[in-house]
Protein backbone atom coordinates (compact mmCIF):
# COMPACT_ATOMS: atom_id res chain seq x y z
CA MET A 1 14.01 8.11 15.29
CA LYS A 2 14.93 11.36 13.54
CA TYR A 3 12.79 13.11 11.00
CA PHE A 4 13.35 15.41 8.04
CA ILE A 5 11.24 17.46 5.66
CA LEU A 6 11.26 16.86 1.93
CA PRO A 7 11.09 19.81 -0.47
CA ILE A 8 7.84 19.68 -2.42
CA LEU A 9 9.58 20.67 -5.62
CA SER A 10 12.00 17.74 -5.39
CA LEU A 11 9.11 15.34 -4.88
CA PHE A 12 7.28 16.75 -7.90
CA ILE A 13 10.34 16.40 -10.14
CA PHE A 14 10.88 12.84 -8.95
CA ILE A 15 7.32 11.80 -9.75
CA LYS A 16 7.40 13.46 -13.16
CA CYS A 17 10.62 11.62 -14.04
CA ASN A 18 9.20 8.29 -12.89
CA ALA A 19 6.01 8.87 -14.84
CA GLN A 20 8.12 9.07 -17.98
CA ALA A 21 10.00 5.88 -17.18
CA ALA A 22 9.22 2.70 -19.08
CA SER A 23 8.70 0.53 -16.00
CA TYR A 24 5.92 1.06 -13.49
CA THR A 25 6.65 2.38 -10.01
CA ASP A 26 3.92 2.12 -7.41
CA PRO A 27 3.26 5.57 -5.87
CA ALA A 28 3.94 4.35 -2.32
CA ALA A 29 7.18 2.71 -3.46
CA ALA A 30 8.09 5.96 -5.21
CA TYR A 31 7.51 7.83 -1.95
CA LEU A 32 9.85 5.44 -0.14
CA LYS A 33 12.49 5.87 -2.83
CA VAL A 34 12.35 9.63 -2.37
CA MET A 35 12.77 9.17 1.37
CA LEU A 36 15.83 7.00 0.78
CA GLU A 37 17.37 9.40 -1.74
CA LYS A 38 16.68 12.56 0.24
CA GLY A 39 17.45 11.14 3.69
CA SER A 40 20.43 12.61 5.49
CA GLU A 41 23.17 10.48 7.03
CA GLY A 42 22.30 9.34 10.53
CA SER A 43 18.52 9.31 10.00
CA TYR A 44 17.40 5.79 10.77
CA GLN A 45 15.04 3.61 12.79
CA GLN A 46 16.44 1.00 15.14
CA ILE A 47 14.92 -2.47 14.57
CA SER A 48 16.53 -5.28 16.52
CA ASN A 49 20.25 -5.09 15.74
CA PHE A 50 19.76 -3.10 12.54
CA LYS A 51 19.81 0.60 11.75
CA VAL A 52 17.14 0.96 9.07
CA ILE A 53 16.93 3.93 6.71
CA GLY A 54 13.83 5.04 4.81
CA THR A 55 10.38 4.65 6.27
CA SER A 56 7.93 1.83 6.91
CA TYR A 57 5.01 4.28 7.07
CA LEU A 58 2.79 4.38 4.00
CA TYR A 59 3.12 7.90 2.55
CA GLY A 60 4.70 9.12 5.80
CA GLU A 61 3.51 9.79 9.32
CA LYS A 62 0.59 11.73 10.81
CA LEU A 63 -1.74 11.66 7.83
CA PRO A 64 -5.34 12.86 8.16
CA GLY A 65 -7.74 9.96 8.55
CA SER A 66 -10.32 8.03 10.55
CA ILE A 67 -10.19 4.61 12.20
CA TYR A 68 -13.00 2.23 13.18
CA THR A 69 -13.07 -0.71 15.58
CA LYS A 70 -15.94 -2.95 16.63
CA SER A 71 -16.77 -0.78 19.65
CA GLU A 72 -15.39 2.69 18.92
CA LYS A 73 -14.20 5.11 16.31
CA SER A 74 -11.83 8.04 16.00
CA GLU A 75 -12.70 10.30 13.11
CA HIS A 76 -10.77 13.15 11.50
CA THR A 77 -7.62 12.52 13.46
CA ASN A 78 -4.05 11.75 12.34
CA LEU A 79 -2.89 8.25 11.46
CA SER A 80 0.33 6.47 10.55
CA TYR A 81 0.13 3.09 8.83
CA ASN A 82 3.22 0.99 9.55
CA THR A 83 3.55 -1.53 6.73
CA TYR A 84 6.42 -3.35 8.48
CA ASN A 85 4.50 -4.50 11.56
CA GLN A 86 0.98 -3.98 10.14
CA GLN A 87 -0.09 -1.55 12.85
CA VAL A 88 -1.86 1.79 12.76
CA ASP A 89 -0.70 4.57 15.04
CA VAL A 90 -3.55 6.86 16.10
CA TYR A 91 -2.82 10.37 17.36
CA LEU A 92 -5.46 11.44 19.85
CA ASN A 93 -6.60 14.96 19.04
CA ALA A 94 -6.87 16.20 22.61
CA THR A 95 -3.50 15.05 23.98
CA ASN A 96 -1.61 14.03 20.81
CA GLN A 97 -0.99 10.74 22.59
CA ILE A 98 -0.16 7.86 20.24
CA ILE A 99 -2.10 4.60 20.46
CA SER A 100 -0.92 1.69 18.29
CA LYS A 101 -3.60 -0.64 16.96
CA LYS A 102 -2.96 -4.14 15.65
CA THR A 103 -5.03 -5.75 12.91
CA ALA A 104 -7.05 -7.75 15.45
CA GLU A 105 -8.15 -4.50 17.09
CA VAL A 106 -9.25 -2.70 13.93
CA ASP A 107 -12.07 -3.12 11.45
CA SER A 108 -11.06 -0.42 8.97
CA PHE A 109 -9.33 2.90 8.56
CA ILE A 110 -9.22 5.68 5.99
CA ILE A 111 -6.34 7.90 4.92
CA TYR A 112 -7.87 11.03 3.46
CA ASN A 113 -6.67 12.69 0.29
CA SER A 114 -4.62 15.64 1.53
CA ASN A 115 -3.45 17.09 -1.80
CA SER A 116 -0.57 14.64 -1.88
CA ILE A 117 1.32 14.36 -5.17
CA PHE A 118 1.45 10.60 -4.58
CA TYR A 119 -2.27 9.81 -4.26
CA ASN A 120 -5.34 11.79 -5.23
CA GLU A 121 -8.16 9.92 -3.50
CA ASP A 122 -9.10 8.63 -0.06
CA LEU A 123 -7.45 5.30 0.76
CA LEU A 124 -9.74 2.81 2.52
CA PHE A 125 -8.25 -0.22 4.28
CA TYR A 126 -9.99 -3.27 5.72
CA THR A 127 -8.47 -5.70 8.15
CA SER A 128 -8.22 -9.30 6.93
CA LYS A 129 -10.97 -10.51 9.28
CA LEU A 130 -13.54 -8.44 7.35
CA ILE A 131 -12.45 -9.89 4.01
CA SER A 132 -11.82 -13.60 4.23
CA SER A 133 -10.62 -16.27 6.62
CA SER A 134 -8.13 -17.16 3.89
CA ALA A 135 -6.51 -13.73 3.94
CA LYS A 136 -3.25 -13.42 5.84
CA ASP A 137 -3.29 -11.19 8.92
CA ALA A 138 -2.76 -7.73 7.46
CA PHE A 139 -4.50 -4.62 6.16
CA TYR A 140 -5.86 -4.49 2.60
CA GLN A 141 -6.62 -1.40 0.59
CA VAL A 142 -10.02 -1.55 -1.09
CA ILE A 143 -9.54 -0.85 -4.79
CA ILE A 144 -12.92 -2.05 -6.10
CA LYS A 145 -16.06 -3.39 -4.41
CA GLY A 146 -18.52 -4.94 -6.79
CA PRO A 147 -21.46 -7.35 -6.90
CA ASN A 148 -19.28 -10.20 -8.20
CA TYR A 149 -15.70 -9.37 -7.22
CA ASN A 150 -13.77 -7.17 -4.81
CA LEU A 151 -10.23 -6.08 -5.62
CA TYR A 152 -7.72 -5.43 -2.83
CA LYS A 153 -4.13 -4.31 -2.49
CA ASN A 154 -1.77 -5.30 0.32
CA TYR A 155 1.42 -3.47 1.28
CA SER A 156 4.25 -5.01 3.30
CA ALA A 157 7.69 -3.67 4.14
CA ASN A 158 10.80 -5.76 4.68
CA LEU A 159 14.46 -5.05 5.37
CA ASP A 160 16.98 -5.05 2.54
CA ILE A 161 20.75 -4.74 2.50
CA VAL A 162 21.87 -1.29 1.36
CA SER A 163 23.63 -1.97 -1.93
CA THR A 164 25.56 1.30 -1.80
CA ASN A 165 26.95 0.61 1.66
CA TYR A 166 28.44 -2.82 2.38
CA ILE A 167 30.80 -1.49 5.05
CA GLN A 168 28.14 -1.06 7.74
CA SER A 169 26.97 -4.61 8.34
CA ASP A 170 24.16 -3.41 10.63
CA LEU A 171 22.70 -1.01 8.05
CA ARG A 172 19.45 -1.91 6.27
CA GLN A 173 16.80 -0.09 4.28
CA PHE A 174 13.05 -0.52 4.06
CA ASN A 175 11.75 -2.16 0.90
CA LEU A 176 8.04 -1.89 0.13
CA GLU A 177 6.26 -4.72 -1.64
CA TYR A 178 2.67 -4.79 -2.83
CA ASN A 179 0.35 -7.52 -4.06
CA TYR A 180 -3.19 -7.59 -5.41
CA TYR A 181 -5.92 -10.00 -4.33
CA TYR A 182 -9.51 -10.58 -5.30
CA LEU A 183 -12.53 -11.95 -3.48
CA ASN A 184 -15.20 -13.79 -5.43
CA ASN A 185 -18.39 -12.66 -3.70
CA ILE A 186 -20.31 -15.65 -5.05
CA THR A 187 -17.96 -18.46 -4.04
CA ASN A 188 -16.03 -16.58 -1.28
CA GLU A 189 -12.76 -17.57 -2.98
CA PHE A 190 -9.91 -15.25 -1.96
CA LYS A 191 -6.92 -15.36 -4.29
CA LYS A 192 -3.66 -13.56 -4.99
CA ILE A 193 -3.37 -12.12 -8.48
CA LYS A 194 -0.33 -12.90 -10.60
CA LEU A 195 0.37 -9.89 -12.79
CA SER A 196 0.58 -11.86 -16.00
CA ARG A 197 -1.74 -11.33 -18.95
CA LYS A 198 -1.92 -15.07 -19.64
CA LYS A 199 -2.50 -15.97 -15.99
CA ILE A 200 -5.33 -13.47 -15.56
CA ILE A 201 -7.00 -14.62 -18.77
CA ASP A 202 -6.71 -18.26 -17.65
CA ASP A 203 -8.09 -17.52 -14.17
CA PHE A 204 -11.35 -16.17 -15.55
CA SER A 205 -11.59 -18.16 -18.80
CA LYS A 206 -14.61 -20.14 -17.56
CA ILE A 207 -16.50 -16.91 -16.95
CA ILE A 208 -15.47 -14.61 -19.78
CA ASP A 209 -12.82 -14.26 -22.46
CA LEU A 210 -10.73 -11.32 -21.27
CA SER A 211 -8.13 -11.55 -24.03
CA PRO A 212 -9.60 -8.69 -26.10
CA SER A 213 -9.65 -6.47 -23.00
CA ILE A 214 -6.12 -6.99 -21.65
CA ASP A 215 -3.09 -5.48 -23.29
CA PHE A 216 0.36 -6.72 -22.31
CA ASP A 217 1.70 -3.16 -21.99
CA GLU A 218 -1.17 -2.15 -19.68
CA ILE A 219 -0.27 -4.84 -17.14
CA ASN A 220 3.37 -3.73 -17.14
CA ASN A 221 2.98 0.03 -17.41
CA ASN A 222 0.28 0.46 -14.79
CA PRO A 223 -1.12 -2.78 -13.34
CA GLU A 224 -3.63 -1.04 -11.09
CA ILE A 225 -5.34 0.74 -13.95
CA ALA A 226 -5.34 -2.52 -15.92
CA LEU A 227 -6.86 -4.45 -12.99
CA LYS A 228 -9.54 -1.81 -12.42
CA LYS A 229 -10.55 -2.17 -16.05
CA ILE A 230 -10.62 -5.97 -15.78
CA PHE A 231 -12.67 -6.10 -12.58
CA ASN A 232 -15.13 -3.50 -13.83
CA ILE A 233 -15.74 -5.87 -16.78
CA LEU A 234 -16.14 -8.84 -14.42
CA ASN A 235 -18.57 -6.94 -12.20
CA ASN A 236 -20.69 -5.97 -15.18
CA LYS A 237 -20.78 -9.50 -16.57
């Protein structure tokens, strides 16, 4: 796999333009879009019979972080979170050797805020086994932990056909999807959230009337901010 460096100024302009757009773009998806737009011809990752452009690594490779397993830990090292195969690559500080960890081998990991223009806080991920037996085998970002409800976010990459290049039948590009889930700490119910104002109101109607607190535009313009607001209300119920 070949690598390239993105100009910081280009990234900043891209984010500013997207911030002004009417539709919401997840920061990690925005990062991937920049990688696709700024990538040079011939830069790809070989997966099976496909040449795949873009990146499956959340916010890129070799990010500062820490990782924890049941029996050991590696703190203040460099990590790469591969959203395609749900593995974490750990770069050992002494030898720079790379060790890949599957979800079954990991309890949690943290990607530290490194003055990225895409995220401005530490990103904490739990493996599914620490969350719920109902959760699919993957890593989940912890958005909110509360007395009543926990809010999580899951990223997964898949391979898409490159719409601008139908000639190369073996060419694909990474596409990043994300979904939100919540855990009811009282009943242990683990459930995927449908980003619909009506659906969210209906889901919690037996507990509280959320209709005065949810604006349609909030769910569409920035669902994460809207969900944080909702689950802070639920945790203070």
